[in-house]
N, C-alpha and C. Protein backbone atom coordinates (compact mmCIF):
# COMPACT_ATOMS: atom_id res chain seq x y z
N UNK A 1 -39.74 13.54 -17.44
CA UNK A 1 -39.56 14.56 -16.36
C UNK A 1 -38.74 13.65 -15.27
N UNK A 2 -39.39 12.54 -15.08
CA UNK A 2 -38.78 11.56 -14.01
C UNK A 2 -37.40 11.17 -14.35
N UNK A 3 -37.02 10.93 -15.65
CA UNK A 3 -35.72 10.68 -16.11
C UNK A 3 -34.89 11.93 -15.71
N UNK A 4 -35.20 13.17 -16.03
CA UNK A 4 -34.36 14.31 -15.72
C UNK A 4 -34.02 14.34 -14.19
N UNK A 5 -35.15 14.04 -13.49
CA UNK A 5 -35.04 14.00 -11.88
C UNK A 5 -34.04 13.18 -11.57
N UNK A 6 -33.97 11.84 -11.97
CA UNK A 6 -33.00 10.97 -11.64
C UNK A 6 -31.61 11.16 -12.06
N UNK A 7 -31.39 11.73 -13.37
CA UNK A 7 -30.15 11.97 -13.86
C UNK A 7 -29.49 13.31 -13.00
N UNK A 8 -30.38 14.20 -12.69
CA UNK A 8 -29.83 15.30 -11.88
C UNK A 8 -29.44 14.79 -10.42
N UNK A 9 -30.22 13.96 -9.94
CA UNK A 9 -29.96 13.31 -8.59
C UNK A 9 -28.63 12.48 -8.57
N UNK A 10 -28.42 11.67 -9.64
CA UNK A 10 -27.05 10.96 -9.78
C UNK A 10 -25.88 11.85 -9.95
N UNK A 11 -26.17 12.92 -10.96
CA UNK A 11 -25.10 13.83 -10.98
C UNK A 11 -24.56 14.63 -9.84
N UNK A 12 -25.53 15.03 -9.10
CA UNK A 12 -25.40 15.60 -7.62
C UNK A 12 -24.59 14.84 -6.89
N UNK A 13 -25.27 13.58 -6.70
CA UNK A 13 -24.63 12.34 -5.77
C UNK A 13 -23.16 12.27 -6.39
N UNK A 14 -22.89 12.15 -7.72
CA UNK A 14 -21.40 12.00 -8.13
C UNK A 14 -20.62 13.12 -7.56
N UNK A 15 -21.22 14.30 -7.70
CA UNK A 15 -20.39 15.48 -7.25
C UNK A 15 -19.97 15.56 -5.92
N UNK A 16 -20.91 15.16 -4.98
CA UNK A 16 -20.81 15.27 -3.61
C UNK A 16 -19.82 14.20 -3.23
N UNK A 17 -19.86 13.00 -3.85
CA UNK A 17 -19.10 11.81 -3.46
C UNK A 17 -17.77 12.18 -3.69
N UNK A 18 -17.47 12.69 -5.04
CA UNK A 18 -15.99 12.95 -5.55
C UNK A 18 -15.42 14.14 -4.76
N UNK A 19 -16.31 15.06 -4.29
CA UNK A 19 -15.62 16.07 -3.37
C UNK A 19 -15.11 15.51 -2.12
N UNK A 20 -16.00 14.47 -1.47
CA UNK A 20 -15.70 13.94 -0.18
C UNK A 20 -14.39 13.10 -0.59
N UNK A 21 -14.32 12.27 -1.60
CA UNK A 21 -13.17 11.41 -1.87
C UNK A 21 -11.93 12.24 -2.02
N UNK A 22 -12.10 13.40 -2.45
CA UNK A 22 -10.85 14.44 -2.71
C UNK A 22 -10.45 14.73 -1.22
N UNK A 23 -11.22 14.92 -0.39
CA UNK A 23 -10.77 15.02 0.96
C UNK A 23 -10.04 13.97 1.57
N UNK A 24 -10.45 12.79 1.32
CA UNK A 24 -9.96 11.47 1.61
C UNK A 24 -8.54 11.38 1.09
N UNK A 25 -8.36 11.82 -0.21
CA UNK A 25 -7.06 11.76 -1.06
C UNK A 25 -6.07 12.64 -0.41
N UNK A 26 -6.59 13.81 -0.07
CA UNK A 26 -5.63 14.87 0.61
C UNK A 26 -5.18 14.45 1.99
N UNK A 27 -6.18 13.87 2.75
CA UNK A 27 -5.65 13.60 4.24
C UNK A 27 -4.84 12.27 4.22
N UNK A 28 -5.03 11.47 3.09
CA UNK A 28 -4.35 10.31 3.18
C UNK A 28 -2.95 10.35 2.24
N UNK A 29 -2.74 11.57 1.76
CA UNK A 29 -1.57 11.96 0.92
C UNK A 29 -1.42 11.04 -0.28
N UNK A 30 -2.64 10.82 -1.08
CA UNK A 30 -2.64 10.03 -2.26
C UNK A 30 -2.61 10.99 -3.39
N UNK A 31 -1.36 11.44 -3.68
CA UNK A 31 -1.07 12.43 -4.78
C UNK A 31 -1.65 11.99 -6.12
N UNK A 32 -1.41 10.71 -6.52
CA UNK A 32 -1.79 10.22 -7.83
C UNK A 32 -3.32 10.06 -7.97
N UNK A 33 -4.22 10.22 -6.89
CA UNK A 33 -5.64 10.39 -7.15
C UNK A 33 -6.24 11.70 -7.34
N UNK A 34 -5.34 12.72 -6.97
CA UNK A 34 -6.04 14.05 -6.89
C UNK A 34 -6.31 14.64 -8.30
N UNK A 35 -5.57 14.34 -9.35
CA UNK A 35 -6.02 14.88 -10.65
C UNK A 35 -7.13 14.08 -11.26
N UNK A 36 -7.10 12.80 -11.26
CA UNK A 36 -8.49 12.15 -11.73
C UNK A 36 -9.76 12.48 -10.93
N UNK A 37 -9.61 12.72 -9.60
CA UNK A 37 -10.80 13.02 -8.84
C UNK A 37 -11.13 14.45 -9.12
N UNK A 38 -10.18 15.24 -9.34
CA UNK A 38 -10.54 16.73 -9.60
C UNK A 38 -11.24 16.67 -11.07
N UNK A 39 -10.96 16.01 -11.88
CA UNK A 39 -11.59 16.04 -13.46
C UNK A 39 -12.91 15.33 -13.05
N UNK A 40 -13.15 14.39 -12.25
CA UNK A 40 -14.61 13.92 -12.09
C UNK A 40 -15.40 14.90 -11.38
N UNK A 41 -14.85 15.57 -10.46
CA UNK A 41 -15.47 16.71 -9.71
C UNK A 41 -15.95 17.78 -10.71
N UNK A 42 -15.01 18.13 -11.53
CA UNK A 42 -15.36 19.07 -12.67
C UNK A 42 -16.52 18.72 -13.64
N UNK A 43 -16.27 17.33 -13.90
CA UNK A 43 -17.49 16.95 -14.92
C UNK A 43 -18.87 16.91 -14.14
N UNK A 44 -18.89 16.42 -13.06
CA UNK A 44 -20.22 16.62 -12.36
C UNK A 44 -20.72 17.95 -12.23
N UNK A 45 -19.80 18.80 -11.78
CA UNK A 45 -20.06 20.15 -11.39
C UNK A 45 -20.84 20.85 -12.68
N UNK A 46 -19.98 20.76 -13.73
CA UNK A 46 -20.44 21.43 -15.07
C UNK A 46 -21.74 20.72 -15.43
N UNK A 47 -21.98 19.49 -15.32
CA UNK A 47 -23.17 18.91 -15.65
C UNK A 47 -24.23 19.32 -14.93
N UNK A 48 -24.08 19.46 -13.54
CA UNK A 48 -25.08 19.67 -12.54
C UNK A 48 -25.51 21.18 -12.93
N UNK A 49 -24.72 22.13 -13.27
CA UNK A 49 -24.98 23.56 -13.47
C UNK A 49 -25.62 23.58 -14.93
N UNK A 50 -25.23 22.90 -15.82
CA UNK A 50 -25.87 22.81 -17.20
C UNK A 50 -27.16 22.21 -17.04
N UNK A 51 -27.40 21.25 -16.45
CA UNK A 51 -28.97 20.59 -15.93
C UNK A 51 -29.89 21.68 -15.46
N UNK A 52 -29.38 22.44 -14.40
CA UNK A 52 -30.19 23.39 -13.80
C UNK A 52 -30.37 24.48 -14.65
N UNK A 53 -29.44 24.94 -15.56
CA UNK A 53 -29.58 26.03 -16.42
C UNK A 53 -30.56 25.86 -17.47
N UNK A 54 -30.58 24.57 -18.01
CA UNK A 54 -31.29 24.19 -19.26
C UNK A 54 -32.59 23.37 -18.92
N UNK A 55 -32.70 22.98 -17.71
CA UNK A 55 -33.94 22.03 -17.43
C UNK A 55 -35.07 22.94 -17.47
N UNK A 56 -36.27 22.03 -17.80
CA UNK A 56 -37.49 22.37 -17.80
C UNK A 56 -38.43 21.79 -16.54
N UNK A 57 -37.64 21.32 -15.59
CA UNK A 57 -38.23 20.82 -14.34
C UNK A 57 -38.58 22.18 -13.53
N UNK A 58 -39.66 22.14 -12.65
CA UNK A 58 -39.90 23.12 -11.70
C UNK A 58 -38.89 23.25 -10.68
N UNK A 59 -38.60 24.36 -10.13
CA UNK A 59 -37.60 24.68 -9.15
C UNK A 59 -37.79 23.63 -7.97
N UNK A 60 -38.89 23.33 -7.63
CA UNK A 60 -39.09 22.40 -6.51
C UNK A 60 -38.37 20.94 -6.76
N UNK A 61 -38.50 20.51 -7.99
CA UNK A 61 -38.05 19.24 -8.42
C UNK A 61 -36.57 19.46 -8.63
N UNK A 62 -36.10 20.53 -8.87
CA UNK A 62 -34.59 20.63 -9.10
C UNK A 62 -33.90 20.62 -7.68
N UNK A 63 -34.49 21.24 -6.76
CA UNK A 63 -33.97 21.30 -5.36
C UNK A 63 -34.16 19.87 -4.72
N UNK A 64 -35.30 19.07 -4.92
CA UNK A 64 -35.36 17.73 -4.54
C UNK A 64 -34.46 16.90 -4.96
N UNK A 65 -34.37 16.88 -6.40
CA UNK A 65 -33.18 15.96 -7.04
C UNK A 65 -31.73 16.30 -6.67
N UNK A 66 -31.47 17.62 -6.51
CA UNK A 66 -30.09 18.05 -6.20
C UNK A 66 -29.93 17.67 -4.75
N UNK A 67 -30.87 18.03 -3.74
CA UNK A 67 -30.70 17.62 -2.34
C UNK A 67 -30.60 16.27 -2.18
N UNK A 68 -31.55 15.56 -2.64
CA UNK A 68 -31.51 13.97 -2.60
C UNK A 68 -30.18 13.35 -3.14
N UNK A 69 -29.84 13.95 -4.26
CA UNK A 69 -28.43 13.42 -4.78
C UNK A 69 -27.26 13.64 -4.02
N UNK A 70 -27.32 14.91 -3.27
CA UNK A 70 -26.27 15.16 -2.37
C UNK A 70 -26.26 14.34 -1.22
N UNK A 71 -27.48 14.04 -0.56
CA UNK A 71 -27.58 13.21 0.62
C UNK A 71 -27.00 11.66 0.14
N UNK A 72 -27.39 11.24 -1.05
CA UNK A 72 -26.86 9.97 -1.61
C UNK A 72 -25.29 10.07 -1.62
N UNK A 73 -24.85 11.02 -2.19
CA UNK A 73 -23.29 11.39 -2.31
C UNK A 73 -22.61 11.32 -0.87
N UNK A 74 -23.33 11.81 0.12
CA UNK A 74 -22.62 11.84 1.46
C UNK A 74 -22.64 10.30 1.98
N UNK A 75 -23.78 9.53 1.76
CA UNK A 75 -23.65 8.21 2.33
C UNK A 75 -22.67 7.32 1.52
N UNK A 76 -22.51 7.76 0.33
CA UNK A 76 -21.47 6.90 -0.67
C UNK A 76 -20.06 7.40 -0.05
N UNK A 77 -19.89 8.62 0.15
CA UNK A 77 -18.65 9.13 0.74
C UNK A 77 -18.34 8.53 2.17
N UNK A 78 -19.28 8.41 3.00
CA UNK A 78 -19.07 7.76 4.26
C UNK A 78 -18.69 6.14 4.12
N UNK A 79 -19.28 5.56 3.20
CA UNK A 79 -18.84 4.22 2.94
C UNK A 79 -17.68 4.04 2.40
N UNK A 80 -17.19 4.85 1.44
CA UNK A 80 -15.70 4.86 0.94
C UNK A 80 -14.78 5.10 1.98
N UNK A 81 -15.07 6.24 2.92
CA UNK A 81 -14.14 6.42 4.09
C UNK A 81 -14.11 5.35 4.95
N UNK A 82 -15.09 4.59 5.21
CA UNK A 82 -15.07 3.44 6.04
C UNK A 82 -14.12 2.42 5.32
N UNK A 83 -14.09 2.30 4.23
CA UNK A 83 -13.42 1.08 3.45
C UNK A 83 -11.79 1.75 3.47
N UNK A 84 -11.53 2.98 3.35
CA UNK A 84 -10.33 3.41 3.46
C UNK A 84 -9.79 3.24 4.88
N UNK A 85 -10.48 3.41 6.00
CA UNK A 85 -10.13 3.19 7.11
C UNK A 85 -9.81 1.68 7.46
N UNK A 86 -10.62 0.79 7.04
CA UNK A 86 -10.23 -0.60 7.16
C UNK A 86 -8.94 -1.04 6.51
N UNK A 87 -8.79 -0.44 5.39
CA UNK A 87 -7.59 -0.58 4.62
C UNK A 87 -6.32 -0.09 5.33
N UNK A 88 -6.46 1.04 5.82
CA UNK A 88 -5.23 1.64 6.44
C UNK A 88 -4.91 1.05 7.75
N UNK A 89 -5.93 0.57 8.60
CA UNK A 89 -5.58 -0.12 9.90
C UNK A 89 -5.17 -1.46 9.71
N UNK A 90 -5.50 -2.13 8.58
CA UNK A 90 -5.07 -3.54 8.36
C UNK A 90 -3.75 -3.61 7.81
N UNK A 91 -3.33 -2.66 7.10
CA UNK A 91 -1.90 -2.47 6.44
C UNK A 91 -0.99 -1.90 7.34
N UNK A 92 -1.40 -1.26 8.48
CA UNK A 92 -0.44 -0.47 9.31
C UNK A 92 -0.17 -1.40 10.38
């Protein structure tokens, strides 16, 4: 059970992180990163949906793992955004 919880959490974190990175790609006109990021989003999204549909975890654990993973994904996206801002300010 604990393994499924962490796998679901990581998949959700990846999904949120990639979605946020896609926004960064769009706002910075990084055309070459849009397709790979979209494929990563699709991979995480399909995996999260599959995990929820086939999981034997209670709904409470699914909500906790997905929500915690989403929060971790937001923190990762904020960290990546900070790195992009530092790179763009030092190169300009």
